[in-house]
Every structure is written in C-alpha cells, then in structure tokens.
Amino acid sequence: MNAKIIRADNRLRVYTAIALVVIIVCGFVTYDWTQRALVEIEKLADRQLAFDRTASFLKMAAAVVGVTTALVAVSEARKARRSLSTGKWPPPGTRVLMDTPVVEGGPARRRAKRAWASGFRVVARAVLHHPTIAWINVPELPEIVAYLRALEPRITGSTLTDVRLRSFALLKTFDPPLDTLTGRRVGQIDRIGKRLVIDFDPDLFLVLRLMVAGRLRWAEAKWEIPRKRGLAAFDFSTGSLLLTEAGTKRRVALHLVRGAKALRALDPGGIEELEGG
C-alpha cells in the first residue's frame, strides 16, 4: 500500500454490490405488495381510504430510510473521531470502495469536523422526529383506522345473520360462545389501540386484532371463504365481511367478551399514537 493512498477494498465492493441488489429486490417486492394491498382496500372503501393507506406506506418507507441514514451517519462520525485523533483523512484502517488519497494535518481535521457535525445533525433529526419512529412501532394502526371508517356506515345498525370460521384457532375465547352473536344488532364500531371492536346489543363485544398480515374485504353477496388465506366470514343483513391473512403464521386473533370490564382487559394501554398535537 502506498503511504499516501488507501487502496480500494474488493471485498467491500462485493458486499456493497450485494446490498444494492437486495435493496432493489426489496423495493420491487414492497411495491408489488403495496399495489395488491391498495387494490384490496379500494374494494372496501373510497379514495380517501386508499390515500390513507398509501400515506402510511410512505411514512413507513421514510422511517426506514431515516434509520438507515442515521446508521450510516454514526459510522461516519466514528470515522471522523478516529481521523481527529490521528490527523489523517481517511483514518488508518478505513476500508474504501475506490483508491483514496490520504489527507494529513489541518485539511484532514477540517474534513473530520465537517463529517462529525453532519453525522450529529442527521442522528439528532432521526431521534427527535418521533412521529416517524412511532410509525415503525405501529405499522398496522393506519389500516385499522381506514377499516373503521369504511365499516362504520356499512354495518352500524345492521344484524349479524351468520358467523363462519374456517380456522378455529382464530377464536381466543370460549365464553360467551360465538353463535350467541347470530341475530344481534350492531350498535357501533370502534377500536382500542390496534384492535377493531364491534359492539353488539346488548353488551357483547367482538374484538379483532389484524396484526400486519390480516385483511378485511367487503361484498354485497355472501363470501366463499378461500382455503389458503381465508379465516372467517361475517354475514350481515347489509353484506358480507371476509377475514383473510397472508403468510403461514397465524397471528390474527378474535375475541368475544361480555361487558365493558372484559373489554378493558384487552386494552394494551400506552400512548395513543394517532392522537395528540
């Protein structure tokens, strides 16, 4: 190695190329998945709901980019600290993608200080921009709000005529039995945290946790439950609601409880992410 030049690291080049390919593939997969999800939700709701869903994905993507940028900034800040202590830029031991001349003395320290300041600003913005971090923690919450808006005018005041389960593992409670809902009127629909709550008269609550892969689809006609993804169908006097889940891991959960006290027991508590100034 020349004393004044740091030679390019071929292994780092390979790792960087692999990382770029993975990022591109993930981008295409995410785009395709987002388009499919938008088609599904547009069948249930109006353009405003599709807009809300798109906004949620954009914010999630911004959060991922922000965290990735912050990690890169931390790495640059560490390199700047080593450069300040050695008086060389890049500091000894740095792996580079292309042959890089080594700057020494005052110019090296000035570059290191600029890199340190830039890295600190990027990390500070990522940490202080708490709404972005909140969207990482609750990826399914915007969908719950969208479903709530869509279902409220469709099922409020209607009567549940039948409940059909394909996966009995979906139901996490046994008392009261699920068939007690048949023939009951929907009082209102609400949510607690990331759970949809359908209030049936009198004093019965059907609580649905969709997680990330759970989906709801509405139709005027009675749904046939798909074999692979179908979990359940709820037939109302106004239409039929289909519950599906993508993937093989069954995380969607359904609870039927009686009384406000039992409903509060399902409330995870904590800060309400979509409220506040």
Protein backbone atom coordinates (compact mmCIF):
# COMPACT_ATOMS: atom_id res chain seq x y z
CA MET A 1 0.00 0.00 0.00
CA ASN A 2 1.28 3.45 -0.91
CA ALA A 3 1.79 5.61 2.20
CA LYS A 4 -0.35 8.36 0.68
CA ILE A 5 -3.11 6.24 -0.82
CA ILE A 6 -5.61 3.79 0.65
CA ARG A 7 -6.32 1.13 -1.93
CA ALA A 8 -9.85 0.01 -2.77
CA ASP A 9 -11.14 -2.98 -0.81
CA ASN A 10 -12.51 -5.56 -3.25
CA ARG A 11 -14.40 -7.41 -0.53
CA LEU A 12 -16.17 -4.19 0.44
CA ARG A 13 -17.10 -3.68 -3.22
CA VAL A 14 -18.69 -7.14 -3.33
CA TYR A 15 -20.63 -6.52 -0.10
CA THR A 16 -21.82 -3.15 -1.39
CA ALA A 17 -22.99 -4.66 -4.68
CA ILE A 18 -24.88 -7.41 -2.82
CA ALA A 19 -26.50 -4.82 -0.55
CA LEU A 20 -27.63 -2.75 -3.54
CA VAL A 21 -29.16 -5.82 -5.22
CA VAL A 22 -31.01 -6.73 -2.02
CA ILE A 23 -32.32 -3.18 -1.67
CA ILE A 24 -33.56 -3.14 -5.28
CA VAL A 25 -35.27 -6.53 -4.93
CA CYS A 26 -36.90 -5.47 -1.66
CA GLY A 27 -38.08 -2.29 -3.35
CA PHE A 28 -39.79 -4.22 -6.15
CA VAL A 29 -41.35 -6.69 -3.69
CA THR A 30 -42.61 -3.87 -1.48
CA TYR A 31 -44.06 -2.02 -4.47
CA ASP A 32 -45.88 -5.13 -5.69
CA TRP A 33 -47.21 -5.91 -2.21
CA THR A 34 -48.36 -2.31 -1.76
CA GLN A 35 -50.23 -2.35 -5.06
CA ARG A 36 -52.02 -5.57 -4.12
CA ALA A 37 -52.94 -4.16 -0.72
CA LEU A 38 -54.29 -0.96 -2.29
CA VAL A 39 -56.47 -2.96 -4.67
CA GLU A 40 -57.90 -4.87 -1.70
CA ILE A 41 -58.67 -1.80 0.35
CA GLU A 42 -60.18 0.06 -2.59
CA LYS A 43 -62.74 -2.74 -2.84
CA LEU A 44 -63.74 -1.97 0.71
CA ALA A 45 -63.57 1.80 0.83
CA ASP A 46 -63.35 5.07 -1.05
CA ARG A 47 -60.43 7.04 -2.44
CA GLN A 48 -59.75 8.65 0.93
CA LEU A 49 -59.02 5.24 2.42
CA ALA A 50 -56.69 4.39 -0.44
CA PHE A 51 -54.94 7.70 0.19
CA ASP A 52 -54.59 6.91 3.91
CA ARG A 53 -53.12 3.51 3.12
CA THR A 54 -50.64 5.00 0.66
CA ALA A 55 -49.65 7.66 3.19
CA SER A 56 -48.97 5.01 5.82
CA PHE A 57 -46.61 3.11 3.49
CA LEU A 58 -44.82 6.32 2.54
CA LYS A 59 -44.28 7.19 6.18
CA MET A 60 -43.03 3.68 6.93
CA ALA A 61 -40.62 3.92 3.99
CA ALA A 62 -39.44 7.33 5.21
CA ALA A 63 -38.84 5.84 8.64
CA VAL A 64 -36.73 3.00 7.22
CA VAL A 65 -34.69 5.43 5.11
CA GLY A 66 -34.25 7.70 8.14
CA VAL A 67 -32.96 4.91 10.36
CA THR A 68 -30.62 3.63 7.63
CA THR A 69 -29.26 7.13 7.09
CA ALA A 70 -28.73 7.54 10.82
CA LEU A 71 -26.71 4.30 10.97
CA VAL A 72 -24.52 5.48 8.10
CA ALA A 73 -24.09 8.84 9.85
CA VAL A 74 -22.99 7.11 13.07
CA SER A 75 -20.38 5.17 11.10
CA GLU A 76 -19.10 8.39 9.51
CA ALA A 77 -18.98 10.12 12.90
CA ARG A 78 -16.85 7.30 14.32
CA LYS A 79 -14.52 7.59 11.34
CA ALA A 80 -14.30 11.35 11.90
CA ARG A 81 -13.36 10.82 15.55
CA ARG A 82 -10.52 8.47 14.55
CA SER A 83 -9.39 11.00 11.95
CA LEU A 84 -9.22 13.79 14.53
CA SER A 85 -7.05 11.65 16.79
CA THR A 86 -4.66 10.54 14.01
CA GLY A 87 -4.62 13.72 11.91
CA LYS A 88 -5.31 11.77 8.72
CA TRP A 89 -8.37 11.54 6.46
CA PRO A 90 -9.42 8.81 5.86
CA PRO A 91 -8.00 7.45 9.15
CA PRO A 92 -5.76 4.36 9.10
CA GLY A 93 -7.69 1.10 8.82
CA THR A 94 -10.56 2.58 6.80
CA ARG A 95 -11.96 0.36 4.03
CA VAL A 96 -12.84 2.28 0.87
CA LEU A 97 -14.62 1.47 -2.40
CA MET A 98 -12.02 3.20 -4.58
CA ASP A 99 -8.41 4.31 -4.29
CA THR A 100 -8.45 7.31 -1.96
CA PRO A 101 -5.55 9.72 -1.34
CA VAL A 102 -4.79 10.36 2.33
CA VAL A 103 -5.05 13.98 3.51
CA GLU A 104 -2.98 14.94 6.55
CA GLY A 105 -2.76 17.81 9.00
CA GLY A 106 -5.17 20.74 9.01
CA PRO A 107 -7.20 19.78 5.91
CA ALA A 108 -7.78 16.29 7.37
CA ARG A 109 -9.03 17.71 10.66
CA ARG A 110 -11.34 20.14 8.86
CA ARG A 111 -12.89 17.27 6.86
CA ALA A 112 -13.26 15.22 10.03
CA LYS A 113 -15.03 18.08 11.82
CA ARG A 114 -17.44 18.57 8.91
CA ALA A 115 -18.20 14.82 8.86
CA TRP A 116 -18.69 14.80 12.64
CA ALA A 117 -21.08 17.76 12.52
CA SER A 118 -23.07 16.29 9.61
CA GLY A 119 -23.39 12.93 11.30
CA PHE A 120 -24.53 14.51 14.55
CA ARG A 121 -27.22 16.54 12.77
CA VAL A 122 -28.58 13.50 10.90
CA VAL A 123 -28.72 11.36 14.05
CA ALA A 124 -30.35 14.17 16.06
CA ARG A 125 -33.06 14.65 13.43
CA ALA A 126 -33.78 10.91 13.27
CA VAL A 127 -34.10 10.64 17.05
CA LEU A 128 -36.07 13.84 17.58
CA HIS A 129 -38.51 13.16 14.73
CA HIS A 130 -40.62 10.96 16.99
CA PRO A 131 -43.68 10.64 14.69
CA THR A 132 -41.52 8.70 12.22
CA ILE A 133 -40.33 6.34 14.96
CA ALA A 134 -43.94 5.85 16.07
CA TRP A 135 -44.92 4.65 12.59
CA ILE A 136 -42.23 1.93 12.81
CA ASN A 137 -43.73 0.63 16.04
CA VAL A 138 -47.34 0.52 14.82
CA PRO A 139 -47.36 -0.40 11.12
CA GLU A 140 -50.93 -1.77 11.14
CA LEU A 141 -52.58 1.12 13.03
CA PRO A 142 -53.34 3.30 9.95
CA GLU A 143 -55.10 0.31 8.36
CA ILE A 144 -57.24 -0.13 11.48
CA VAL A 145 -58.39 3.49 11.21
CA ALA A 146 -59.10 3.02 7.50
CA TYR A 147 -61.14 -0.12 8.10
CA LEU A 148 -63.01 1.61 10.90
CA ARG A 149 -64.06 4.44 8.59
CA ALA A 150 -65.10 2.02 5.87
CA LEU A 151 -67.06 -0.41 8.05
CA GLU A 152 -68.91 2.11 10.21
CA PRO A 153 -71.50 3.13 7.57
CA ARG A 154 -71.79 -0.44 6.28
CA ILE A 155 -72.52 -2.44 9.43
CA THR A 156 -73.70 0.03 12.07
CA GLY A 157 -77.34 -0.76 12.78
CA SER A 158 -77.25 -3.98 10.75
CA THR A 159 -77.91 -7.51 12.04
CA LEU A 160 -75.36 -10.31 12.08
CA THR A 161 -77.02 -13.28 10.41
CA ASP A 162 -74.14 -15.79 10.48
CA VAL A 163 -70.51 -16.30 11.50
CA ARG A 164 -68.43 -18.86 9.60
CA LEU A 165 -64.97 -19.89 10.83
CA ARG A 166 -62.51 -21.85 8.72
CA SER A 167 -59.75 -21.60 11.34
CA PHE A 168 -60.99 -22.35 14.85
CA ALA A 169 -57.60 -21.30 16.24
CA LEU A 170 -58.64 -17.76 15.31
CA LEU A 171 -61.08 -17.56 18.26
CA LYS A 172 -59.22 -17.00 21.54
CA THR A 173 -62.27 -17.09 23.86
CA PHE A 174 -64.97 -19.69 24.56
CA ASP A 175 -67.41 -17.85 26.83
CA PRO A 176 -69.72 -16.46 25.58
CA PRO A 177 -69.92 -18.81 22.56
CA LEU A 178 -69.58 -17.22 19.15
CA ASP A 179 -73.02 -18.34 17.96
CA THR A 180 -74.65 -16.06 20.56
CA LEU A 181 -73.95 -13.18 18.13
CA THR A 182 -76.32 -14.57 15.50
CA GLY A 183 -79.34 -12.33 15.13
CA ARG A 184 -77.88 -9.50 17.20
CA ARG A 185 -77.79 -5.87 16.08
CA VAL A 186 -74.54 -3.90 15.67
CA GLY A 187 -74.60 -0.89 17.97
CA GLN A 188 -71.36 0.76 16.88
CA ILE A 189 -67.83 0.02 15.72
CA ASP A 190 -64.76 1.40 17.46
CA ARG A 191 -61.18 0.47 18.27
CA ILE A 192 -58.93 0.02 21.28
CA GLY A 193 -55.32 0.52 20.26
CA LYS A 194 -54.75 -1.68 17.20
CA ARG A 195 -57.88 -3.78 17.73
CA LEU A 196 -61.22 -3.35 15.97
CA VAL A 197 -64.21 -3.55 18.32
CA ILE A 198 -67.75 -4.30 17.09
CA ASP A 199 -70.35 -3.59 19.76
CA PHE A 200 -73.38 -5.89 19.63
CA ASP A 201 -76.54 -5.17 21.61
CA PRO A 202 -76.68 -5.84 24.45
CA ASP A 203 -73.20 -5.59 25.97
CA LEU A 204 -71.29 -8.04 23.70
CA PHE A 205 -68.03 -7.02 22.05
CA LEU A 206 -66.31 -8.73 19.13
CA VAL A 207 -62.62 -7.74 19.20
CA LEU A 208 -60.41 -8.33 16.15
CA ARG A 209 -56.63 -7.97 16.05
CA LEU A 210 -55.45 -7.96 12.41
CA MET A 211 -51.72 -7.67 13.06
CA VAL A 212 -49.72 -6.87 9.90
CA ALA A 213 -50.98 -9.57 7.52
CA GLY A 214 -54.70 -9.57 8.36
CA ARG A 215 -57.10 -8.18 5.73
CA LEU A 216 -60.82 -7.43 5.57
CA ARG A 217 -62.88 -7.44 2.35
CA TRP A 218 -66.50 -6.38 1.92
CA ALA A 219 -69.06 -7.59 -0.59
CA GLU A 220 -72.81 -7.32 -1.02
CA ALA A 221 -73.05 -11.07 -1.71
CA LYS A 222 -72.08 -13.85 0.66
CA TRP A 223 -68.35 -14.65 0.61
CA GLU A 224 -66.93 -18.09 -0.04
CA ILE A 225 -64.02 -18.46 2.37
CA PRO A 226 -60.75 -19.16 0.46
CA ARG A 227 -58.90 -22.29 1.51
CA LYS A 228 -55.41 -20.85 1.77
CA ARG A 229 -55.82 -17.39 3.27
CA GLY A 230 -59.41 -17.43 4.48
CA LEU A 231 -60.01 -17.38 8.23
CA ALA A 232 -63.65 -16.38 8.68
CA ALA A 233 -66.68 -14.64 7.17
CA PHE A 234 -69.23 -12.46 8.96
CA ASP A 235 -72.58 -12.21 7.21
CA PHE A 236 -74.61 -9.10 8.00
CA SER A 237 -78.02 -8.02 6.78
CA THR A 238 -76.23 -5.38 4.65
CA GLY A 239 -73.44 -7.55 3.21
CA SER A 240 -70.63 -9.96 3.99
CA LEU A 241 -67.21 -9.32 5.56
CA LEU A 242 -64.32 -11.67 4.76
CA LEU A 243 -61.30 -12.04 7.03
CA THR A 244 -58.04 -13.31 5.47
CA GLU A 245 -54.40 -13.50 6.48
CA ALA A 246 -51.35 -13.64 4.21
CA GLY A 247 -48.49 -15.98 5.01
CA THR A 248 -48.34 -19.16 7.04
CA LYS A 249 -48.03 -17.73 10.54
CA ARG A 250 -51.50 -17.31 12.07
CA ARG A 251 -51.31 -14.19 14.23
CA VAL A 252 -54.76 -12.70 13.68
CA ALA A 253 -56.86 -13.05 16.83
CA LEU A 254 -60.58 -12.86 17.53
CA HIS A 255 -62.11 -12.35 21.00
CA LEU A 256 -65.74 -12.28 22.06
CA VAL A 257 -66.26 -10.75 25.51
CA ARG A 258 -69.22 -9.64 27.59
CA GLY A 259 -69.26 -6.30 29.38
CA ALA A 260 -67.10 -3.20 29.44
CA LYS A 261 -64.82 -4.61 32.14
CA ALA A 262 -63.84 -7.61 29.99
CA LEU A 263 -63.29 -5.28 27.05
CA ARG A 264 -60.97 -3.04 29.07
CA ALA A 265 -58.93 -6.12 29.98
CA LEU A 266 -57.97 -6.39 26.27
CA ASP A 267 -56.76 -2.79 26.13
CA PRO A 268 -52.92 -2.85 25.96
CA GLY A 269 -52.78 0.73 27.24
CA GLY A 270 -49.85 3.01 26.47
CA ILE A 271 -49.70 6.17 24.38
CA GLU A 272 -52.29 6.61 21.62
CA GLU A 273 -50.11 7.18 18.53
CA LEU A 274 -52.70 8.87 16.30
CA GLU A 275 -53.82 11.37 18.91
CA GLY A 276 -52.15 14.43 20.27
CA GLY A 277 -50.79 17.61 18.80
